[in-house]
Amino acid sequence: MADFTSEVKTIPHNDDIIFAMLSDMSNLERIKDRIPQDKIKDFTFDRDTCSFTVDPVGSVMFQIVEREPNKTIKFSTTNSPIPLLMWIQLKQVAEKDTKLKMTVRADLNPFLKPMVSKPLQEAIDKISEIVACLPYE
């Protein structure tokens, strides 16, 4: 197993608003137009799942497997070339000041690890930036 962790991001909203948005994948409708169509195809989602196709990786599906109100949301791949567990941690430190950290745990064999470690770290960093900038109101 290998863990990849984002930098801590600051979101200028309270944790209850952020949690409500992130714990319901149907809210992805709000940002669907920001997703690069040339990189991600066949994008579908509902409250608990999100699936898409990425070239050359193939089809990927994430499912929310645990929600701890205003603190943690855990996602697991149910269809992916590499088994992943991802979680988002939230910590409100003041009114309209919440910290966010994302972690991905990947089940990588020793042959794959050197090839995918850098792209996975870059992906988690980029995703955390996007999540921190979402329209929460």
C-alpha atoms as a PDB file:
ATOM      1  CA  MET A   1       0.000   0.000   0.000  1.00  0.00           C
ATOM      2  CA  ALA A   2       1.107   3.517  -0.768  1.00  0.00           C
ATOM      3  CA  ASP A   3      -0.432   6.734   0.593  1.00  0.00           C
ATOM      4  CA  PHE A   4      -0.531  10.035  -1.268  1.00  0.00           C
ATOM      5  CA  THR A   5      -1.603  13.102   0.697  1.00  0.00           C
ATOM      6  CA  SER A   6      -2.475  16.577  -0.529  1.00  0.00           C
ATOM      7  CA  GLU A   7      -1.338  19.791   1.054  1.00  0.00           C
ATOM      8  CA  VAL A   8      -3.823  21.231   3.552  1.00  0.00           C
ATOM      9  CA  LYS A   9      -6.195  23.606   1.778  1.00  0.00           C
ATOM     10  CA  THR A  10      -8.275  26.384   3.318  1.00  0.00           C
ATOM     11  CA  ILE A  11     -11.918  26.799   2.329  1.00  0.00           C
ATOM     12  CA  PRO A  12     -13.707  30.005   3.398  1.00  0.00           C
ATOM     13  CA  HIS A  13     -16.907  28.212   4.497  1.00  0.00           C
ATOM     14  CA  ASN A  14     -18.140  26.279   7.515  1.00  0.00           C
ATOM     15  CA  ASP A  15     -17.612  22.518   7.606  1.00  0.00           C
ATOM     16  CA  ASP A  16     -21.352  21.698   7.512  1.00  0.00           C
ATOM     17  CA  ILE A  17     -21.789  23.420   4.123  1.00  0.00           C
ATOM     18  CA  ILE A  18     -18.659  21.777   2.699  1.00  0.00           C
ATOM     19  CA  PHE A  19     -19.629  18.341   4.018  1.00  0.00           C
ATOM     20  CA  ALA A  20     -23.154  18.623   2.594  1.00  0.00           C
ATOM     21  CA  MET A  21     -21.741  19.435  -0.840  1.00  0.00           C
ATOM     22  CA  LEU A  22     -18.960  16.834  -0.939  1.00  0.00           C
ATOM     23  CA  SER A  23     -20.884  13.941   0.612  1.00  0.00           C
ATOM     24  CA  ASP A  24     -23.486  13.970  -2.184  1.00  0.00           C
ATOM     25  CA  MET A  25     -21.908  13.201  -5.549  1.00  0.00           C
ATOM     26  CA  SER A  26     -24.993  14.441  -7.390  1.00  0.00           C
ATOM     27  CA  ASN A  27     -23.636  17.918  -6.572  1.00  0.00           C
ATOM     28  CA  LEU A  28     -21.070  17.278  -9.309  1.00  0.00           C
ATOM     29  CA  GLU A  29     -23.775  18.610 -11.635  1.00  0.00           C
ATOM     30  CA  ARG A  30     -22.686  22.110 -10.503  1.00  0.00           C
ATOM     31  CA  ILE A  31     -19.192  21.654 -11.910  1.00  0.00           C
ATOM     32  CA  LYS A  32     -19.827  19.259 -14.796  1.00  0.00           C
ATOM     33  CA  ASP A  33     -18.945  21.965 -17.348  1.00  0.00           C
ATOM     34  CA  ARG A  34     -15.464  22.401 -15.778  1.00  0.00           C
ATOM     35  CA  ILE A  35     -14.464  18.797 -16.423  1.00  0.00           C
ATOM     36  CA  PRO A  36     -12.136  18.526 -19.444  1.00  0.00           C
ATOM     37  CA  GLN A  37     -14.106  16.490 -21.996  1.00  0.00           C
ATOM     38  CA  ASP A  38     -10.935  15.530 -23.858  1.00  0.00           C
ATOM     39  CA  LYS A  39      -9.566  13.759 -20.748  1.00  0.00           C
ATOM     40  CA  ILE A  40     -12.658  12.412 -18.996  1.00  0.00           C
ATOM     41  CA  LYS A  41     -15.515  10.783 -20.886  1.00  0.00           C
ATOM     42  CA  ASP A  42     -18.783   9.033 -20.033  1.00  0.00           C
ATOM     43  CA  PHE A  43     -19.089  11.001 -16.793  1.00  0.00           C
ATOM     44  CA  THR A  44     -22.083   9.868 -14.707  1.00  0.00           C
ATOM     45  CA  PHE A  45     -22.978  10.273 -11.051  1.00  0.00           C
ATOM     46  CA  ASP A  46     -25.668   9.940  -8.416  1.00  0.00           C
ATOM     47  CA  ARG A  47     -25.719  10.553  -4.650  1.00  0.00           C
ATOM     48  CA  ASP A  48     -23.270   7.748  -3.792  1.00  0.00           C
ATOM     49  CA  THR A  49     -21.316   6.971  -6.977  1.00  0.00           C
ATOM     50  CA  CYS A  50     -19.363   8.608  -9.752  1.00  0.00           C
ATOM     51  CA  SER A  51     -18.032   6.895 -12.861  1.00  0.00           C
ATOM     52  CA  PHE A  52     -16.006   8.026 -15.843  1.00  0.00           C
ATOM     53  CA  THR A  53     -13.603   6.830 -18.492  1.00  0.00           C
ATOM     54  CA  VAL A  54     -10.039   8.100 -18.708  1.00  0.00           C
ATOM     55  CA  ASP A  55      -7.719   7.274 -21.607  1.00  0.00           C
ATOM     56  CA  PRO A  56      -5.579   5.158 -21.399  1.00  0.00           C
ATOM     57  CA  VAL A  57      -6.665   3.972 -17.911  1.00  0.00           C
ATOM     58  CA  GLY A  58     -10.193   2.910 -18.817  1.00  0.00           C
ATOM     59  CA  SER A  59     -13.380   2.944 -16.764  1.00  0.00           C
ATOM     60  CA  VAL A  60     -13.234   4.071 -13.123  1.00  0.00           C
ATOM     61  CA  MET A  61     -16.033   4.119 -10.550  1.00  0.00           C
ATOM     62  CA  PHE A  62     -15.894   5.660  -7.080  1.00  0.00           C
ATOM     63  CA  GLN A  63     -18.441   4.946  -4.380  1.00  0.00           C
ATOM     64  CA  ILE A  64     -18.869   6.718  -1.045  1.00  0.00           C
ATOM     65  CA  VAL A  65     -18.322   4.024   1.581  1.00  0.00           C
ATOM     66  CA  GLU A  66     -18.400   6.119   4.761  1.00  0.00           C
ATOM     67  CA  ARG A  67     -19.642   9.521   5.878  1.00  0.00           C
ATOM     68  CA  GLU A  68     -18.702  10.993   9.262  1.00  0.00           C
ATOM     69  CA  PRO A  69     -20.708  14.241   9.400  1.00  0.00           C
ATOM     70  CA  ASN A  70     -18.615  17.384   8.989  1.00  0.00           C
ATOM     71  CA  LYS A  71     -15.352  15.415   9.360  1.00  0.00           C
ATOM     72  CA  THR A  72     -14.642  12.636   6.874  1.00  0.00           C
ATOM     73  CA  ILE A  73     -15.902  11.255   3.567  1.00  0.00           C
ATOM     74  CA  LYS A  74     -14.398   7.986   2.338  1.00  0.00           C
ATOM     75  CA  PHE A  75     -14.528   6.772  -1.244  1.00  0.00           C
ATOM     76  CA  SER A  76     -13.519   3.429  -2.698  1.00  0.00           C
ATOM     77  CA  THR A  77     -13.097   2.321  -6.278  1.00  0.00           C
ATOM     78  CA  THR A  78     -15.494  -0.392  -7.307  1.00  0.00           C
ATOM     79  CA  ASN A  79     -14.183  -0.505 -10.860  1.00  0.00           C
ATOM     80  CA  SER A  80     -10.586   0.560 -11.436  1.00  0.00           C
ATOM     81  CA  PRO A  81      -7.350  -0.856 -12.827  1.00  0.00           C
ATOM     82  CA  ILE A  82      -5.724   0.057  -9.478  1.00  0.00           C
ATOM     83  CA  PRO A  83      -7.710  -0.455  -6.237  1.00  0.00           C
ATOM     84  CA  LEU A  84      -7.937   2.922  -4.450  1.00  0.00           C
ATOM     85  CA  LEU A  85      -9.329   4.245  -1.205  1.00  0.00           C
ATOM     86  CA  MET A  86      -9.648   8.020  -0.991  1.00  0.00           C
ATOM     87  CA  TRP A  87     -10.773  10.157   1.899  1.00  0.00           C
ATOM     88  CA  ILE A  88     -11.416  13.821   2.511  1.00  0.00           C
ATOM     89  CA  GLN A  89     -10.833  15.205   5.991  1.00  0.00           C
ATOM     90  CA  LEU A  90     -12.414  18.479   7.136  1.00  0.00           C
ATOM     91  CA  LYS A  91     -11.566  20.523  10.226  1.00  0.00           C
ATOM     92  CA  GLN A  92     -13.245  23.813  10.946  1.00  0.00           C
ATOM     93  CA  VAL A  93     -10.797  26.057  12.797  1.00  0.00           C
ATOM     94  CA  ALA A  94     -12.910  29.222  12.899  1.00  0.00           C
ATOM     95  CA  GLU A  95     -16.126  30.667  11.498  1.00  0.00           C
ATOM     96  CA  LYS A  96     -15.929  30.322   7.688  1.00  0.00           C
ATOM     97  CA  ASP A  97     -12.454  28.785   7.921  1.00  0.00           C
ATOM     98  CA  THR A  98     -12.244  25.050   7.260  1.00  0.00           C
ATOM     99  CA  LYS A  99      -9.121  23.041   6.490  1.00  0.00           C
ATOM    100  CA  LEU A 100      -9.271  20.219   3.959  1.00  0.00           C
ATOM    101  CA  LYS A 101      -6.846  17.374   3.359  1.00  0.00           C
ATOM    102  CA  MET A 102      -7.211  14.539   0.866  1.00  0.00           C
ATOM    103  CA  THR A 103      -5.480  11.180   0.998  1.00  0.00           C
ATOM    104  CA  VAL A 104      -5.360   8.348  -1.508  1.00  0.00           C
ATOM    105  CA  ARG A 105      -4.276   4.851  -0.528  1.00  0.00           C
ATOM    106  CA  ALA A 106      -3.391   2.722  -3.528  1.00  0.00           C
ATOM    107  CA  ASP A 107      -2.688  -0.975  -3.678  1.00  0.00           C
ATOM    108  CA  LEU A 108       0.401  -0.784  -5.896  1.00  0.00           C
ATOM    109  CA  ASN A 109       2.680  -3.648  -6.722  1.00  0.00           C
ATOM    110  CA  PRO A 110       6.450  -2.911  -6.671  1.00  0.00           C
ATOM    111  CA  PHE A 111       6.585  -2.793 -10.477  1.00  0.00           C
ATOM    112  CA  LEU A 112       3.807  -0.186 -10.823  1.00  0.00           C
ATOM    113  CA  LYS A 113       4.725   2.029  -7.883  1.00  0.00           C
ATOM    114  CA  PRO A 114       7.611   3.935  -9.551  1.00  0.00           C
ATOM    115  CA  MET A 115       5.507   4.553 -12.671  1.00  0.00           C
ATOM    116  CA  VAL A 116       2.296   5.771 -11.042  1.00  0.00           C
ATOM    117  CA  SER A 117       3.470   7.469  -7.835  1.00  0.00           C
ATOM    118  CA  LYS A 118       4.188  10.859  -9.399  1.00  0.00           C
ATOM    119  CA  PRO A 119       0.959  10.982 -11.488  1.00  0.00           C
ATOM    120  CA  LEU A 120      -1.111   9.929  -8.454  1.00  0.00           C
ATOM    121  CA  GLN A 121       0.470  12.613  -6.262  1.00  0.00           C
ATOM    122  CA  GLU A 122      -0.103  15.234  -8.956  1.00  0.00           C
ATOM    123  CA  ALA A 123      -3.717  14.095  -9.335  1.00  0.00           C
ATOM    124  CA  ILE A 124      -4.473  14.304  -5.604  1.00  0.00           C
ATOM    125  CA  ASP A 125      -2.864  17.761  -5.433  1.00  0.00           C
ATOM    126  CA  LYS A 126      -4.943  18.978  -8.397  1.00  0.00           C
ATOM    127  CA  ILE A 127      -8.171  17.452  -7.098  1.00  0.00           C
ATOM    128  CA  SER A 128      -7.665  19.065  -3.674  1.00  0.00           C
ATOM    129  CA  GLU A 129      -7.140  22.459  -5.348  1.00  0.00           C
ATOM    130  CA  ILE A 130     -10.348  22.048  -7.339  1.00  0.00           C
ATOM    131  CA  VAL A 131     -12.317  20.892  -4.290  1.00  0.00           C
ATOM    132  CA  ALA A 132     -11.080  23.899  -2.286  1.00  0.00           C
ATOM    133  CA  CYS A 133     -12.349  26.256  -5.010  1.00  0.00           C
ATOM    134  CA  LEU A 134     -15.818  24.744  -5.521  1.00  0.00           C
ATOM    135  CA  PRO A 135     -18.864  27.025  -5.289  1.00  0.00           C
ATOM    136  CA  TYR A 136     -20.155  26.003  -1.868  1.00  0.00           C
ATOM    137  CA  GLU A 137     -22.983  28.535  -1.701  1.00  0.00           C
END
